[in-house]
Protein backbone atom coordinates (compact mmCIF):
# COMPACT_ATOMS: atom_id res chain seq x y z
CA MET A 1 -5.91 -23.87 -8.32
CA ARG A 2 -3.09 -21.45 -9.14
CA PHE A 3 -5.63 -18.84 -9.75
CA ILE A 4 -7.17 -19.19 -6.34
CA TYR A 5 -3.57 -19.29 -4.88
CA LEU A 6 -2.61 -16.03 -6.49
CA LEU A 7 -5.98 -14.59 -5.25
CA VAL A 8 -5.15 -15.57 -1.72
CA VAL A 9 -1.67 -13.88 -2.00
CA LEU A 10 -3.33 -10.55 -3.38
CA PHE A 11 -5.71 -10.66 -0.53
CA PHE A 12 -3.25 -11.10 2.23
CA ALA A 13 -0.75 -8.72 0.60
CA SER A 14 -3.47 -6.00 0.29
CA LEU A 15 -4.75 -6.67 3.82
CA ASN A 16 -1.48 -5.08 5.24
CA LEU A 17 -1.54 -1.74 3.61
CA ARG A 18 -3.56 0.09 6.31
CA PRO A 19 -3.51 -1.58 9.75
CA SER A 20 -0.13 -0.23 10.79
CA ILE A 21 -1.74 3.15 10.43
CA THR A 22 -5.43 2.73 11.43
CA SER A 23 -4.73 0.58 14.51
CA VAL A 24 -3.07 3.58 16.19
CA GLY A 25 -6.21 5.91 16.13
CA PRO A 26 -8.37 4.02 18.74
CA LEU A 27 -5.25 3.84 21.16
CA LEU A 28 -4.10 7.24 20.49
CA ASP A 29 -5.22 8.75 23.96
CA THR A 30 -3.43 5.82 25.84
CA ILE A 31 -0.24 6.12 23.84
CA GLN A 32 -0.20 9.89 24.32
CA LYS A 33 -0.48 9.80 28.05
CA GLU A 34 2.03 6.80 28.61
CA LEU A 35 4.61 8.32 26.21
CA GLY A 36 3.93 12.07 26.97
CA MET A 37 3.35 12.90 23.34
CA ASN A 38 1.78 16.25 22.43
CA GLY A 39 -0.67 16.71 19.72
CA ILE A 40 1.62 17.38 16.91
CA GLU A 41 3.88 14.40 17.86
CA ALA A 42 0.68 12.04 17.92
CA SER A 43 -0.46 13.32 14.53
CA LEU A 44 2.88 12.16 13.08
CA LEU A 45 2.16 8.60 13.81
CA THR A 46 -0.60 9.09 10.94
CA THR A 47 1.06 11.81 8.76
CA LEU A 48 4.47 10.11 8.48
CA PRO A 49 3.28 6.84 6.98
CA VAL A 50 1.03 8.59 4.40
CA ILE A 51 4.14 10.91 3.49
CA CYS A 52 6.38 7.85 3.16
CA MET A 53 3.77 5.95 1.11
CA GLY A 54 4.14 8.83 -1.51
CA LEU A 55 7.84 9.41 -1.32
CA PHE A 56 8.96 5.65 -1.50
CA SER A 57 6.43 4.58 -4.12
CA LEU A 58 8.91 5.68 -6.77
CA ILE A 59 11.29 3.27 -5.19
CA ALA A 60 8.92 0.39 -6.19
CA THR A 61 9.59 1.11 -9.90
CA LEU A 62 13.23 0.67 -9.38
CA LEU A 63 12.87 -2.52 -7.09
CA ASN A 64 10.54 -3.95 -9.68
CA TYR A 65 12.96 -3.13 -12.49
CA GLN A 66 15.99 -4.93 -10.63
CA LEU A 67 14.22 -7.72 -8.68
CA GLY A 68 10.93 -8.29 -10.27
CA ILE A 69 7.21 -8.07 -8.96
CA GLU A 70 7.27 -10.88 -6.34
CA ARG A 71 10.65 -10.10 -4.80
CA SER A 72 9.87 -6.33 -4.68
CA LEU A 73 6.46 -7.09 -3.02
CA PHE A 74 8.14 -9.31 -0.45
CA ILE A 75 10.48 -6.61 0.62
CA GLY A 76 7.55 -4.08 1.08
CA LEU A 77 5.70 -6.63 3.19
CA PHE A 78 8.80 -7.45 5.03
CA PHE A 79 9.29 -3.92 6.12
CA ILE A 80 5.75 -3.63 7.21
CA MET A 81 6.25 -6.88 9.26
CA ILE A 82 9.38 -5.91 11.06
CA ALA A 83 8.08 -2.27 11.90
CA THR A 84 4.83 -3.61 13.23
CA PHE A 85 6.44 -6.53 15.18
CA PHE A 86 8.93 -4.09 16.69
CA ARG A 87 6.11 -2.07 18.29
CA ILE A 88 5.72 -4.82 20.79
CA ILE A 89 9.12 -3.88 22.63
CA THR A 90 8.64 -0.03 22.07
CA HIS A 91 8.56 2.23 25.07
CA ASP A 92 9.38 5.65 23.81
CA SER A 93 7.95 8.08 21.27
CA TYR A 94 11.14 8.03 19.16
CA HIS A 95 11.14 4.26 18.35
CA LEU A 96 7.36 4.42 17.80
CA LEU A 97 7.72 7.22 15.27
CA MET A 98 10.42 5.29 13.64
CA THR A 99 8.15 2.30 13.17
CA ALA A 100 5.66 4.53 11.52
CA ILE A 101 8.23 5.75 9.06
CA VAL A 102 9.46 2.06 8.22
CA ALA A 103 5.83 0.85 7.79
CA GLY A 104 5.05 3.74 5.48
CA ILE A 105 8.24 2.84 3.48
CA GLY A 106 6.96 -0.75 3.22
CA ILE A 107 3.42 0.41 2.25
CA GLY A 108 4.72 2.78 -0.23
CA ILE A 109 6.69 -0.08 -2.01
CA ALA A 110 4.04 -2.76 -1.80
CA GLY A 111 1.16 -0.38 -2.94
CA PRO A 112 2.20 0.31 -6.68
CA ILE A 113 3.93 -3.17 -6.86
CA LEU A 114 0.41 -4.90 -6.36
CA SER A 115 -0.87 -2.94 -9.29
CA GLY A 116 1.97 -4.67 -11.40
CA PHE A 117 1.14 -7.86 -9.68
CA ILE A 118 -2.49 -7.84 -10.92
CA LYS A 119 -1.31 -6.88 -14.40
CA LYS A 120 1.17 -9.65 -14.56
CA HIS A 121 -0.95 -12.49 -13.04
CA PHE A 122 -4.61 -11.41 -13.91
CA PRO A 123 -4.12 -9.75 -17.44
CA GLU A 124 -7.62 -10.70 -18.58
CA HIS A 125 -9.21 -9.98 -15.22
CA PRO A 126 -8.68 -6.38 -14.22
CA GLY A 127 -11.92 -6.66 -12.05
CA VAL A 128 -9.58 -8.60 -9.59
CA THR A 129 -8.76 -5.11 -8.47
CA SER A 130 -11.88 -5.32 -6.35
CA VAL A 131 -9.88 -8.10 -4.15
CA TYR A 132 -7.10 -5.51 -3.68
CA SER A 133 -9.35 -2.66 -2.72
CA VAL A 134 -11.75 -4.56 -0.48
CA SER A 135 -9.01 -6.56 1.40
CA MET A 136 -7.25 -3.22 2.10
CA VAL A 137 -10.56 -1.84 3.46
CA ILE A 138 -11.20 -4.89 5.54
CA GLY A 139 -7.59 -4.52 7.00
CA ALA A 140 -8.34 -0.84 7.93
CA SER A 141 -11.81 -1.78 9.43
CA LEU A 142 -10.44 -4.51 11.50
CA ALA A 143 -7.68 -2.42 12.85
CA CYS A 144 -10.16 0.20 13.86
CA SER A 145 -12.65 -1.93 15.50
CA VAL A 146 -10.59 -4.76 16.95
CA SER A 147 -7.83 -2.80 18.53
CA ILE A 148 -9.61 -1.67 21.69
CA PRO A 149 -10.94 -5.17 22.56
CA LEU A 150 -7.37 -6.55 21.93
CA SER A 151 -5.92 -4.10 24.22
CA LYS A 152 -8.44 -5.10 27.02
CA ILE A 153 -7.37 -8.74 26.39
CA TRP A 154 -3.77 -7.75 26.91
CA ASN A 155 -4.24 -5.64 30.13
CA ASP A 156 -4.51 -2.29 28.11
CA SER A 157 -1.03 -3.01 26.41
CA TRP A 158 -1.00 -0.86 23.46
CA GLN A 159 2.41 -2.34 22.42
CA LYS A 160 0.92 -5.97 22.02
CA THR A 161 -2.23 -4.56 20.32
CA LEU A 162 -0.13 -2.68 17.66
CA GLY A 163 2.39 -5.52 17.34
CA PHE A 164 -0.50 -8.03 16.72
CA TRP A 165 -1.01 -6.62 13.12
CA GLY A 166 2.38 -7.89 12.20
CA ILE A 167 0.84 -11.42 12.07
CA PRO A 168 -1.11 -10.81 8.76
CA ALA A 169 2.28 -9.48 7.31
CA LEU A 170 4.04 -12.52 8.28
CA ILE A 171 1.50 -14.70 6.81
CA ALA A 172 1.54 -12.64 3.33
CA CYS A 173 5.37 -13.17 3.28
CA LEU A 174 5.04 -16.90 3.84
CA LEU A 175 2.52 -17.04 1.10
CA LEU A 176 4.85 -15.36 -1.20
CA LEU A 177 7.72 -17.75 -0.63
CA PRO A 178 6.64 -20.28 -3.54
CA LEU A 179 6.57 -17.47 -6.05
CA LEU A 180 10.09 -16.18 -4.99
CA LYS A 181 11.53 -19.61 -5.79
CA LYS A 182 9.86 -19.67 -9.36
CA THR A 183 11.33 -16.30 -10.40
CA LYS A 184 14.73 -15.88 -11.65
CA ILE A 185 17.02 -13.20 -10.08
CA LYS A 186 18.09 -10.65 -12.57
CA ILE A 187 21.46 -9.22 -13.04
CA PRO A 188 21.46 -5.62 -11.62
CA SER A 189 21.59 -3.12 -14.36
CA MET A 190 22.83 0.53 -14.07
CA THR A 191 20.07 1.66 -16.43
CA LEU A 192 17.29 3.38 -14.85
CA PRO A 193 13.84 2.28 -15.57
CA LYS A 194 11.64 4.41 -17.69
CA THR A 195 9.07 6.56 -15.93
CA PRO A 196 6.00 8.40 -17.45
CA ILE A 197 6.92 11.71 -16.05
CA LYS A 198 6.21 13.50 -19.31
CA ASN A 199 2.76 11.71 -19.96
CA ILE A 200 0.10 14.39 -19.23
CA ARG A 201 -2.50 11.68 -18.58
CA VAL A 202 -0.35 10.40 -15.72
CA TRP A 203 -0.38 13.89 -14.05
CA ILE A 204 -4.20 14.14 -14.50
CA PHE A 205 -4.40 10.76 -12.82
CA THR A 206 -2.07 12.03 -10.04
CA LEU A 207 -4.26 15.12 -9.51
CA PHE A 208 -7.27 12.85 -9.24
CA PHE A 209 -5.69 10.51 -6.70
CA GLY A 210 -4.47 13.49 -4.67
CA CYS A 211 -7.94 15.00 -4.50
CA MET A 212 -9.47 11.59 -3.58
CA SER A 213 -6.78 10.85 -0.95
CA ALA A 214 -7.18 14.43 0.47
CA ILE A 215 -10.86 13.93 0.94
CA PHE A 216 -10.60 10.51 2.51
CA TYR A 217 -7.82 11.34 4.94
CA SER A 218 -9.55 14.54 5.81
CA LEU A 219 -12.76 12.55 6.77
CA THR A 220 -10.90 9.75 8.53
CA ALA A 221 -9.22 12.51 10.63
CA TRP A 222 -11.97 14.99 11.18
CA LEU A 223 -15.36 13.21 10.57
CA SER A 224 -15.80 12.09 14.31
CA PRO A 225 -14.91 15.67 15.78
CA ALA A 226 -17.34 17.26 13.32
CA VAL A 227 -20.26 15.15 14.32
CA GLN A 228 -19.33 15.68 17.86
CA LYS A 229 -19.71 19.31 17.05
CA MET A 230 -23.29 18.59 15.72
CA GLY A 231 -24.26 17.16 19.23
CA MET A 232 -23.08 13.43 19.06
CA ASP A 233 -21.32 11.98 22.09
CA HIS A 234 -17.97 10.42 21.95
CA PHE A 235 -19.22 6.75 21.55
CA GLN A 236 -21.82 7.74 18.86
CA SER A 237 -19.14 9.67 16.94
CA GLY A 238 -16.88 6.70 16.90
CA LEU A 239 -19.77 4.52 15.35
CA VAL A 240 -20.12 7.10 12.59
CA LEU A 241 -16.53 6.63 11.71
CA THR A 242 -16.90 2.89 11.84
CA LEU A 243 -20.01 3.04 9.46
CA PHE A 244 -17.74 5.45 7.19
CA THR A 245 -15.24 2.58 7.08
CA VAL A 246 -17.36 -0.54 7.05
CA ILE A 247 -19.86 0.77 4.31
CA GLN A 248 -16.80 0.90 1.91
CA ILE A 249 -16.28 -2.82 2.10
CA PRO A 250 -19.05 -3.99 -0.28
CA VAL A 251 -18.77 -0.92 -2.31
CA SER A 252 -15.07 -1.56 -2.79
CA PHE A 253 -15.79 -4.97 -4.03
CA LEU A 254 -18.72 -4.27 -6.33
CA ILE A 255 -17.55 -1.16 -8.15
CA PRO A 256 -14.53 -2.45 -10.06
CA VAL A 257 -16.60 -5.67 -10.94
CA LEU A 258 -19.36 -3.51 -12.44
CA VAL A 259 -16.83 -1.27 -14.20
CA SER A 260 -15.03 -4.32 -15.63
CA LYS A 261 -18.36 -5.94 -16.85
CA TYR A 262 -20.16 -2.77 -18.12
CA GLN A 263 -17.29 -0.27 -18.79
CA HIS A 264 -18.41 3.50 -18.62
CA ARG A 265 -15.63 4.20 -16.34
CA LYS A 266 -16.27 8.05 -16.32
CA SER A 267 -19.84 7.58 -15.30
CA TRP A 268 -18.95 5.47 -12.26
CA LEU A 269 -16.32 7.91 -11.18
CA LEU A 270 -18.84 10.86 -11.57
CA ILE A 271 -21.45 8.94 -9.54
CA CYS A 272 -19.03 8.32 -6.61
CA CYS A 273 -17.82 11.93 -6.81
CA ILE A 274 -21.55 13.14 -6.59
CA PHE A 275 -22.14 10.84 -3.58
CA GLU A 276 -19.09 12.54 -1.71
CA LEU A 277 -20.42 15.85 -2.68
CA ILE A 278 -23.89 15.18 -1.37
CA GLY A 279 -22.50 13.79 1.84
CA VAL A 280 -20.64 16.99 2.52
CA ILE A 281 -23.49 19.24 1.79
CA LEU A 282 -25.59 17.28 4.23
CA LEU A 283 -23.11 17.75 6.81
CA ILE A 284 -23.10 21.49 6.05
CA MET A 285 -26.93 21.48 6.28
CA ASN A 286 -26.75 19.66 9.75
CA ALA A 287 -28.58 16.78 8.33
CA SER A 288 -28.41 13.32 9.88
CA PRO A 289 -24.56 12.38 10.40
CA TRP A 290 -25.77 8.79 9.69
CA PHE A 291 -27.31 9.67 6.34
CA ALA A 292 -24.30 12.01 5.28
CA THR A 293 -21.85 9.27 6.37
CA ALA A 294 -23.64 6.70 4.25
CA PHE A 295 -23.19 8.83 1.13
CA LEU A 296 -19.65 9.67 2.04
CA GLY A 297 -18.75 5.97 2.72
CA ILE A 298 -20.39 4.87 -0.76
CA GLY A 299 -18.26 7.68 -2.69
CA ALA A 300 -15.02 6.94 -0.86
CA GLY A 301 -15.66 3.04 -1.32
CA GLY A 302 -16.08 3.55 -4.90
CA LEU A 303 -13.37 6.02 -5.77
CA PHE A 304 -10.33 4.23 -4.31
CA PRO A 305 -10.63 0.97 -6.35
CA LEU A 306 -11.29 3.03 -9.52
CA ALA A 307 -8.13 5.10 -8.74
CA LEU A 308 -6.20 1.68 -8.36
CA LEU A 309 -7.78 0.43 -11.67
CA LEU A 310 -6.68 3.39 -13.76
CA PRO A 311 -3.07 2.49 -14.23
CA ILE A 312 -3.93 -1.09 -14.83
CA GLU A 313 -6.51 -0.28 -17.65
CA GLU A 314 -4.05 2.28 -19.08
CA THR A 315 -0.94 0.34 -19.49
CA THR A 316 0.15 -2.83 -21.63
CA ASN A 317 2.45 -4.67 -19.24
CA SER A 318 3.28 -5.06 -15.47
CA LYS A 319 6.39 -2.91 -15.41
CA GLN A 320 4.45 0.05 -17.08
CA ALA A 321 1.40 -0.53 -14.69
CA THR A 322 3.96 -0.35 -11.72
CA SER A 323 5.70 2.75 -12.85
CA TRP A 324 2.39 4.57 -13.55
CA ALA A 325 0.94 3.47 -10.22
CA ALA A 326 4.11 4.60 -8.48
CA MET A 327 4.18 8.06 -9.87
CA ILE A 328 0.30 8.53 -9.34
CA GLN A 329 0.71 7.33 -5.70
CA PHE A 330 3.77 9.34 -5.13
CA GLY A 331 2.06 12.70 -6.00
CA GLY A 332 -1.41 11.49 -4.82
CA PHE A 333 -0.30 10.54 -1.33
CA ILE A 334 1.85 13.65 -0.75
CA LEU A 335 -1.07 15.98 -1.75
CA GLY A 336 -3.56 13.60 0.30
CA SER A 337 -1.29 14.02 3.37
CA LEU A 338 -2.02 17.81 3.25
CA GLY A 339 -5.70 17.34 3.44
CA PRO A 340 -6.09 16.65 7.27
CA ILE A 341 -3.41 19.22 8.22
CA LEU A 342 -5.09 22.01 6.09
CA MET A 343 -8.65 21.03 7.32
CA GLY A 344 -7.20 21.13 11.06
CA TYR A 345 -5.69 24.52 10.45
CA THR A 346 -8.98 25.86 9.02
CA VAL A 347 -10.94 24.51 11.96
CA ASP A 348 -8.38 26.00 14.49
CA THR A 349 -8.57 29.28 12.69
CA TYR A 350 -12.28 29.74 12.40
CA ASN A 351 -13.42 27.38 15.23
CA ASN A 352 -15.99 26.08 12.83
CA PHE A 353 -16.32 23.21 10.40
CA PHE A 354 -18.25 25.24 7.92
CA PRO A 355 -15.20 26.74 5.96
CA ALA A 356 -13.37 23.32 6.24
CA PHE A 357 -16.25 21.72 4.53
CA LEU A 358 -16.47 24.34 1.83
CA GLY A 359 -12.82 23.51 1.27
CA LEU A 360 -13.87 19.77 0.63
CA ILE A 361 -16.46 20.79 -1.76
CA PHE A 362 -13.76 22.83 -3.79
CA ILE A 363 -11.62 19.66 -3.81
CA ILE A 364 -14.64 17.52 -4.96
CA LEU A 365 -15.31 19.84 -7.68
CA LEU A 366 -11.78 19.78 -8.89
CA MET A 367 -11.75 16.09 -8.78
CA ILE A 368 -14.84 15.94 -11.03
CA VAL A 369 -13.01 18.11 -13.51
CA THR A 370 -10.18 15.68 -13.59
CA VAL A 371 -12.75 12.82 -14.14
CA LEU A 372 -14.16 14.51 -16.99
CA ILE A 373 -10.68 14.89 -18.53
CA ILE A 374 -9.72 11.20 -17.88
CA GLY A 375 -12.83 9.96 -19.81
CA ASP A 376 -13.81 6.35 -20.47
CA LYS A 377 -10.97 4.73 -22.50
CA LYS A 378 -7.29 4.98 -22.51
CA GLU A 379 -5.73 6.82 -25.50
CA SER A 380 -3.55 4.98 -27.90
CA ALA A 381 0.20 5.41 -28.08
CA GLN A 382 -0.10 7.81 -31.01
CA GLN A 383 -2.80 9.85 -29.30
CA GLN A 384 -0.83 10.43 -25.99
CA ILE A 385 0.64 13.81 -25.81
CA SER A 386 4.12 12.84 -24.48
CA LEU A 387 6.52 9.88 -24.27
CA GLU A 388 7.87 8.22 -21.28
CA ILE A 389 11.52 8.77 -20.54
């Protein structure tokens, strides 16, 4: 029974890591017109949370060291809940951007903490990472697909629609309360927690995570405009983006389970990278956008849960898993936030998606190199090149 309860906590906590970002996209035109936001200001609603997710992931290590897994996770979810609910009464661009920052801070804290949560409560079941990844994809998909219908129900109120996504965060906070009562409060220490900053494998994982994030957020931002250039109308291009998101749900669930059962982590990572490579090549060749998107969705759906699984498999306890995940996500999300910006700059400069897609191919090839270095198994403490300080 406790196992099921912990799975439910993990599901609802993970569910909240994307809706505060992805719910904005479908309503962006309406928000821009009502608040008078230009393109740069509007792009910050997505860019700022991703940057905060990277910057504040390091705070997760300190919070975990001082308060423990459960209380740190509660703080992250509380930030997400408050920021999202505040959008109901937001009527200017400044306050809306502030909610994006606060939500990003909460996601930055909760993300790596969840890796420690899995390591602590499911030490013999690393495949449980699939619950983490699939629930996050479900949250992102629901926010994308349900926001427009919700806004129609509320007379085109984007404030109520965006605020609606604070409800899952509230549920997650309530579910966490029994765990908070059972954990002891630690006496604050002035000693800083150890970080794996000198561990070369962590830097390789960070580069891998950065490449993966750059590709994912670039496709999330520019796949729809790209297929419109290929002749699709606005409605069809929206369906293509929905396919890209939805196809990741079953893949995000199955891949960690298969890796946990059959091992050969490197092979699965390479397969997912090749799927993304084929998808981008198909777009360059002006092949069917639906066919290309299927390859891209399968690749992205497999890579993200495997990236989440890396610090869990490579570490020996929850604190170490949290610190590794924090550093990986810190550098990875910072690098990932540059992807959409650089792709947009390339498209503006050349007025063509071909050079931008070549850039994605280069990133995928770099990611493949990192996968070959990562390999199948973690190295022992004696084999690791450097120490954690």
